[in-house]
């Protein structure tokens, strides 16, 4: 069934239709939340809040954007709020580059544990790990609008149109922010990673 069909059924009160939508997008929402916040517990909580708000706001969903993009927009708004909360309470937030495809037994995104490849040498693995940490630190330094755009497009691999719908910006603005964000990321990496 398509998202649009499931949304219509859910609007009519079919909780199972909404559950199917949740199952379809749960990992993506946890993934983007984890990448925006860097805390697995908060990412799971944020994803649950995304679906709670989506359920409550289903009547206001006009279908101008895809359901998936609408969920991303809710997730971004909640992540922005959470990052502001972190700042007010002086809690370190961090961008995560870890793929969230795997989960722990508790349902949290699993930390990435590199498996040694006998064909690579340990020095190359250490350099790759250092580079990933440098990119994470550089992303953290970007202004929010650039960081979000880079994460959604380059890490979450949303299309330009989906990023535009999720952020509420025109596609041209998304392209501009992505270009500027990538430039700032390169500049920040020069200062962190030689």
Protein backbone atom coordinates (compact mmCIF):
# COMPACT_ATOMS: atom_id res chain seq x y z
CA UNK A 1 0.00 0.00 0.00
CA UNK A 2 1.20 3.51 -0.75
CA UNK A 3 1.80 6.11 1.92
CA UNK A 4 -1.15 8.15 0.63
CA UNK A 5 -3.51 5.19 1.00
CA UNK A 6 -2.26 4.43 4.49
CA UNK A 7 -2.57 8.10 5.47
CA UNK A 8 -6.19 8.17 4.29
CA UNK A 9 -6.99 5.02 6.25
CA UNK A 10 -5.24 6.41 9.33
CA UNK A 11 -7.24 9.64 9.01
CA UNK A 12 -10.36 7.52 9.07
CA UNK A 13 -9.21 6.14 12.43
CA UNK A 14 -7.42 2.99 11.31
CA UNK A 15 -4.63 2.68 13.87
CA UNK A 16 -3.11 -0.31 12.05
CA UNK A 17 -2.60 1.82 8.93
CA UNK A 18 -0.69 4.35 11.00
CA UNK A 19 1.30 1.54 12.62
CA UNK A 20 2.37 0.44 9.13
CA UNK A 21 3.55 3.97 8.39
CA UNK A 22 5.47 3.99 11.67
CA UNK A 23 7.13 0.69 10.85
CA UNK A 24 8.02 1.98 7.40
CA UNK A 25 9.78 5.11 8.69
CA UNK A 26 10.83 4.34 12.26
CA UNK A 27 14.47 3.55 11.45
CA UNK A 28 14.81 6.64 9.27
CA UNK A 29 13.45 8.90 12.00
CA UNK A 30 15.72 7.36 14.63
CA UNK A 31 18.61 7.67 12.20
CA UNK A 32 18.13 11.35 11.42
CA UNK A 33 17.52 12.13 15.09
CA UNK A 34 20.68 10.27 16.07
CA UNK A 35 22.70 12.07 13.43
CA UNK A 36 21.35 15.46 14.51
CA UNK A 37 21.68 14.89 18.26
CA UNK A 38 24.40 12.30 18.75
CA UNK A 39 22.61 10.69 21.72
CA UNK A 40 20.89 7.35 21.09
CA UNK A 41 18.40 7.64 23.96
CA UNK A 42 17.30 11.09 22.84
CA UNK A 43 17.11 9.90 19.23
CA UNK A 44 14.67 7.12 20.13
CA UNK A 45 12.61 9.52 22.26
CA UNK A 46 12.58 12.09 19.47
CA UNK A 47 11.45 9.51 16.91
CA UNK A 48 8.59 8.50 19.20
CA UNK A 49 7.63 12.15 19.56
CA UNK A 50 7.70 12.53 15.75
CA UNK A 51 5.12 9.79 15.37
CA UNK A 52 3.01 11.06 18.25
CA UNK A 53 2.89 14.52 16.66
CA UNK A 54 2.22 13.02 13.25
CA UNK A 55 -0.70 11.01 14.65
CA UNK A 56 -2.14 14.06 16.38
CA UNK A 57 -1.58 16.30 13.35
CA UNK A 58 -2.74 13.85 10.71
CA UNK A 59 -5.89 15.91 10.13
CA UNK A 60 -3.75 18.93 9.22
CA UNK A 61 -1.51 17.00 6.83
CA UNK A 62 -2.50 18.41 3.44
CA UNK A 63 -0.44 16.06 1.31
CA UNK A 64 1.39 18.88 -0.49
CA UNK A 65 4.62 17.15 0.45
CA UNK A 66 5.14 13.43 0.81
CA UNK A 67 4.34 11.86 4.17
CA UNK A 68 8.04 10.98 4.50
CA UNK A 69 9.09 14.62 3.97
CA UNK A 70 6.47 15.73 6.48
CA UNK A 71 7.94 13.35 9.06
CA UNK A 72 11.42 14.71 8.36
CA UNK A 73 10.13 18.25 8.87
CA UNK A 74 8.65 17.28 12.24
CA UNK A 75 11.91 15.52 13.17
CA UNK A 76 14.01 18.54 12.19
CA UNK A 77 11.86 20.90 14.23
CA UNK A 78 12.06 18.63 17.27
CA UNK A 79 15.83 18.16 16.83
CA UNK A 80 16.32 21.93 16.63
CA UNK A 81 14.35 22.35 19.84
CA UNK A 82 16.36 19.61 21.54
CA UNK A 83 19.67 21.17 20.47
CA UNK A 84 18.51 24.52 21.90
CA UNK A 85 17.62 22.69 25.12
CA UNK A 86 21.11 21.14 25.13
CA UNK A 87 22.62 24.61 24.74
CA UNK A 88 20.54 26.10 27.57
CA UNK A 89 21.48 23.24 29.89
CA UNK A 90 25.08 23.10 28.67
CA UNK A 91 24.80 19.54 27.51
CA UNK A 92 27.14 18.57 24.72
CA UNK A 93 25.38 17.60 21.55
CA UNK A 94 27.19 16.04 18.69
CA UNK A 95 26.50 15.11 15.15
CA UNK A 96 26.83 11.41 14.48
CA UNK A 97 27.99 9.94 11.22
CA UNK A 98 27.29 6.39 12.33
CA UNK A 99 24.84 4.50 10.19
CA UNK A 100 21.77 3.65 12.19
CA UNK A 101 20.78 0.60 10.16
CA UNK A 102 21.73 -1.68 13.01
CA UNK A 103 20.18 -1.48 16.43
CA UNK A 104 20.99 -2.78 19.86
CA UNK A 105 18.65 -5.11 21.71
CA UNK A 106 17.01 -2.06 23.31
CA UNK A 107 16.23 -0.63 19.86
CA UNK A 108 18.90 2.09 20.06
CA UNK A 109 21.13 2.73 17.08
CA UNK A 110 24.14 0.50 17.47
CA UNK A 111 27.54 2.10 17.63
CA UNK A 112 29.61 1.37 14.60
CA UNK A 113 32.29 -1.13 15.42
CA UNK A 114 34.67 -1.50 12.52
CA UNK A 115 35.46 -5.08 11.72
CA UNK A 116 39.06 -5.60 10.83
CA UNK A 117 39.55 -6.32 7.17
CA UNK A 118 42.62 -8.47 6.69
CA UNK A 119 43.33 -6.69 3.41
CA UNK A 120 43.73 -3.29 5.10
CA UNK A 121 46.43 -2.26 7.44
CA UNK A 122 45.73 -0.90 10.93
CA UNK A 123 47.24 2.47 10.03
CA UNK A 124 44.69 2.98 7.24
CA UNK A 125 41.86 2.01 9.60
CA UNK A 126 43.10 4.46 12.24
CA UNK A 127 43.30 7.23 9.64
CA UNK A 128 39.75 6.47 8.46
CA UNK A 129 38.50 6.61 12.03
CA UNK A 130 40.32 9.89 12.64
CA UNK A 131 38.84 11.32 9.46
CA UNK A 132 35.32 10.32 10.47
CA UNK A 133 35.82 12.03 13.83
CA UNK A 134 37.19 15.12 12.08
CA UNK A 135 34.12 15.27 9.81
CA UNK A 136 31.83 14.90 12.83
CA UNK A 137 33.60 17.76 14.60
CA UNK A 138 33.54 19.92 11.46
CA UNK A 139 29.81 19.28 10.95
CA UNK A 140 29.19 20.30 14.54
CA UNK A 141 30.77 23.68 13.83
CA UNK A 142 28.50 24.47 10.86
CA UNK A 143 25.53 26.80 11.33
CA UNK A 144 22.34 24.79 11.80
CA UNK A 145 20.80 25.44 8.37
CA UNK A 146 23.94 24.20 6.59
CA UNK A 147 24.50 21.27 8.96
CA UNK A 148 20.90 20.08 8.54
CA UNK A 149 21.06 20.36 4.75
CA UNK A 150 24.34 18.45 4.53
CA UNK A 151 23.07 15.73 6.87
CA UNK A 152 19.76 15.31 5.02
CA UNK A 153 21.27 15.32 1.53
CA UNK A 154 24.71 13.74 1.94
CA UNK A 155 24.22 11.42 4.91
CA UNK A 156 20.49 10.59 4.88
CA UNK A 157 20.57 10.73 1.05
CA UNK A 158 17.28 12.54 0.59
CA UNK A 159 16.64 14.07 -2.82
CA UNK A 160 16.86 17.84 -3.19
CA UNK A 161 13.06 17.98 -3.36
CA UNK A 162 12.70 15.95 -0.16
CA UNK A 163 15.21 18.16 1.64
CA UNK A 164 13.27 21.21 0.43
CA UNK A 165 10.00 19.78 1.73
CA UNK A 166 11.54 18.76 5.04
CA UNK A 167 13.17 22.13 5.66
CA UNK A 168 10.40 24.25 4.15
CA UNK A 169 12.86 25.91 1.78
CA UNK A 170 12.78 26.19 -2.02
CA UNK A 171 14.97 23.71 -3.92
CA UNK A 172 17.24 26.58 -5.00
CA UNK A 173 17.86 27.49 -1.37
CA UNK A 174 18.60 23.83 -0.56
CA UNK A 175 21.14 23.68 -3.39
CA UNK A 176 22.71 26.94 -2.23
CA UNK A 177 22.86 25.84 1.42
CA UNK A 178 24.28 22.48 0.42
CA UNK A 179 26.98 24.14 -1.66
CA UNK A 180 27.79 26.60 1.11
CA UNK A 181 27.63 23.85 3.76
CA UNK A 182 30.03 21.65 1.82
CA UNK A 183 32.39 24.60 1.36
CA UNK A 184 32.28 25.41 5.09
CA UNK A 185 32.79 21.73 5.89
CA UNK A 186 35.90 21.62 3.70
CA UNK A 187 37.21 24.78 5.37
CA UNK A 188 36.50 23.40 8.84
CA UNK A 189 38.24 20.15 7.95
CA UNK A 190 41.35 22.08 6.95
CA UNK A 191 41.56 23.30 10.53
CA UNK A 192 40.90 19.90 12.10
CA UNK A 193 42.28 17.33 9.72
CA UNK A 194 45.45 18.24 7.86
